[in-house]
C-alpha atoms as a PDB file:
ATOM      1  CA  UNK A   1      -1.644   5.787 226.064  1.00  0.00           C
ATOM      2  CA  UNK A   2       1.129   7.997 227.470  1.00  0.00           C
ATOM      3  CA  UNK A   3       4.753   7.163 226.829  1.00  0.00           C
ATOM      4  CA  UNK A   4       7.167   7.475 229.771  1.00  0.00           C
ATOM      5  CA  UNK A   5      10.912   7.672 229.268  1.00  0.00           C
ATOM      6  CA  UNK A   6      13.787   7.976 231.722  1.00  0.00           C
ATOM      7  CA  UNK A   7      17.098   9.315 230.426  1.00  0.00           C
ATOM      8  CA  UNK A   8      19.356   6.815 232.195  1.00  0.00           C
ATOM      9  CA  UNK A   9      22.421   8.980 231.499  1.00  0.00           C
ATOM     10  CA  UNK A  10      20.835  11.848 233.447  1.00  0.00           C
ATOM     11  CA  UNK A  11      18.938   9.908 236.130  1.00  0.00           C
ATOM     12  CA  UNK A  12      20.709   9.800 239.495  1.00  0.00           C
ATOM     13  CA  UNK A  13      18.402   7.077 240.908  1.00  0.00           C
ATOM     14  CA  UNK A  14      17.170   9.322 243.735  1.00  0.00           C
ATOM     15  CA  UNK A  15      13.766   7.556 243.546  1.00  0.00           C
ATOM     16  CA  UNK A  16      11.795  10.793 243.781  1.00  0.00           C
ATOM     17  CA  UNK A  17       9.652   9.558 240.882  1.00  0.00           C
ATOM     18  CA  UNK A  18       9.054   6.238 242.649  1.00  0.00           C
ATOM     19  CA  UNK A  19       7.756   8.117 245.687  1.00  0.00           C
ATOM     20  CA  UNK A  20       5.816  10.741 243.697  1.00  0.00           C
ATOM     21  CA  UNK A  21       3.973   8.676 241.098  1.00  0.00           C
ATOM     22  CA  UNK A  22       0.421   7.932 242.304  1.00  0.00           C
ATOM     23  CA  UNK A  23       0.131   4.965 239.932  1.00  0.00           C
ATOM     24  CA  UNK A  24       3.329   3.053 240.723  1.00  0.00           C
ATOM     25  CA  UNK A  25       4.771   3.413 237.234  1.00  0.00           C
ATOM     26  CA  UNK A  26       8.403   3.461 238.416  1.00  0.00           C
ATOM     27  CA  UNK A  27      10.426   0.880 240.341  1.00  0.00           C
ATOM     28  CA  UNK A  28      13.987   0.796 241.627  1.00  0.00           C
ATOM     29  CA  UNK A  29      16.084  -1.832 239.883  1.00  0.00           C
ATOM     30  CA  UNK A  30      19.580  -2.245 241.227  1.00  0.00           C
ATOM     31  CA  UNK A  31      21.288   1.128 241.084  1.00  0.00           C
ATOM     32  CA  UNK A  32      18.749   2.718 238.729  1.00  0.00           C
ATOM     33  CA  UNK A  33      15.036   3.445 238.337  1.00  0.00           C
ATOM     34  CA  UNK A  34      13.005   1.907 235.520  1.00  0.00           C
ATOM     35  CA  UNK A  35       9.559   2.353 233.985  1.00  0.00           C
ATOM     36  CA  UNK A  36       7.933  -0.842 235.197  1.00  0.00           C
ATOM     37  CA  UNK A  37       4.216  -0.227 234.603  1.00  0.00           C
ATOM     38  CA  UNK A  38       3.944   2.266 231.731  1.00  0.00           C
ATOM     39  CA  UNK A  39       0.385   1.113 231.014  1.00  0.00           C
ATOM     40  CA  UNK A  40      -0.660   2.498 234.423  1.00  0.00           C
ATOM     41  CA  UNK A  41       0.491   6.063 233.607  1.00  0.00           C
ATOM     42  CA  UNK A  42      -2.310   8.658 233.709  1.00  0.00           C
ATOM     43  CA  UNK A  43      -0.069  11.456 232.339  1.00  0.00           C
ATOM     44  CA  UNK A  44      -0.372  13.585 235.477  1.00  0.00           C
ATOM     45  CA  UNK A  45       3.274  14.583 234.959  1.00  0.00           C
ATOM     46  CA  UNK A  46       4.027  14.603 238.686  1.00  0.00           C
ATOM     47  CA  UNK A  47       7.191  12.637 237.933  1.00  0.00           C
ATOM     48  CA  UNK A  48       8.399  15.229 235.423  1.00  0.00           C
ATOM     49  CA  UNK A  49       7.730  18.076 237.825  1.00  0.00           C
ATOM     50  CA  UNK A  50       9.415  16.387 240.769  1.00  0.00           C
ATOM     51  CA  UNK A  51      12.527  14.993 239.048  1.00  0.00           C
ATOM     52  CA  UNK A  52      15.444  17.089 240.318  1.00  0.00           C
ATOM     53  CA  UNK A  53      17.586  16.355 237.245  1.00  0.00           C
ATOM     54  CA  UNK A  54      14.791  16.529 234.611  1.00  0.00           C
ATOM     55  CA  UNK A  55      15.441  12.965 233.445  1.00  0.00           C
ATOM     56  CA  UNK A  56      11.784  12.017 232.832  1.00  0.00           C
ATOM     57  CA  UNK A  57       9.694  12.775 229.772  1.00  0.00           C
ATOM     58  CA  UNK A  58       5.979  11.943 229.528  1.00  0.00           C
ATOM     59  CA  UNK A  59       4.394  12.179 226.090  1.00  0.00           C
ATOM     60  CA  UNK A  60       0.669  11.846 225.433  1.00  0.00           C
END
């Protein structure tokens, strides 16, 4: 199962990952974005590629 991490110090909560992820792995939570459904990740890495501040890491 893939592991998805968000560097909260780098993340600017733009929600690009929320809008990009086809599986709904990310959710906004207050003034940040969190990994809400890691078990749904298919490791397509669309979130990594789209994150403008490179705050997301997906590991297989």
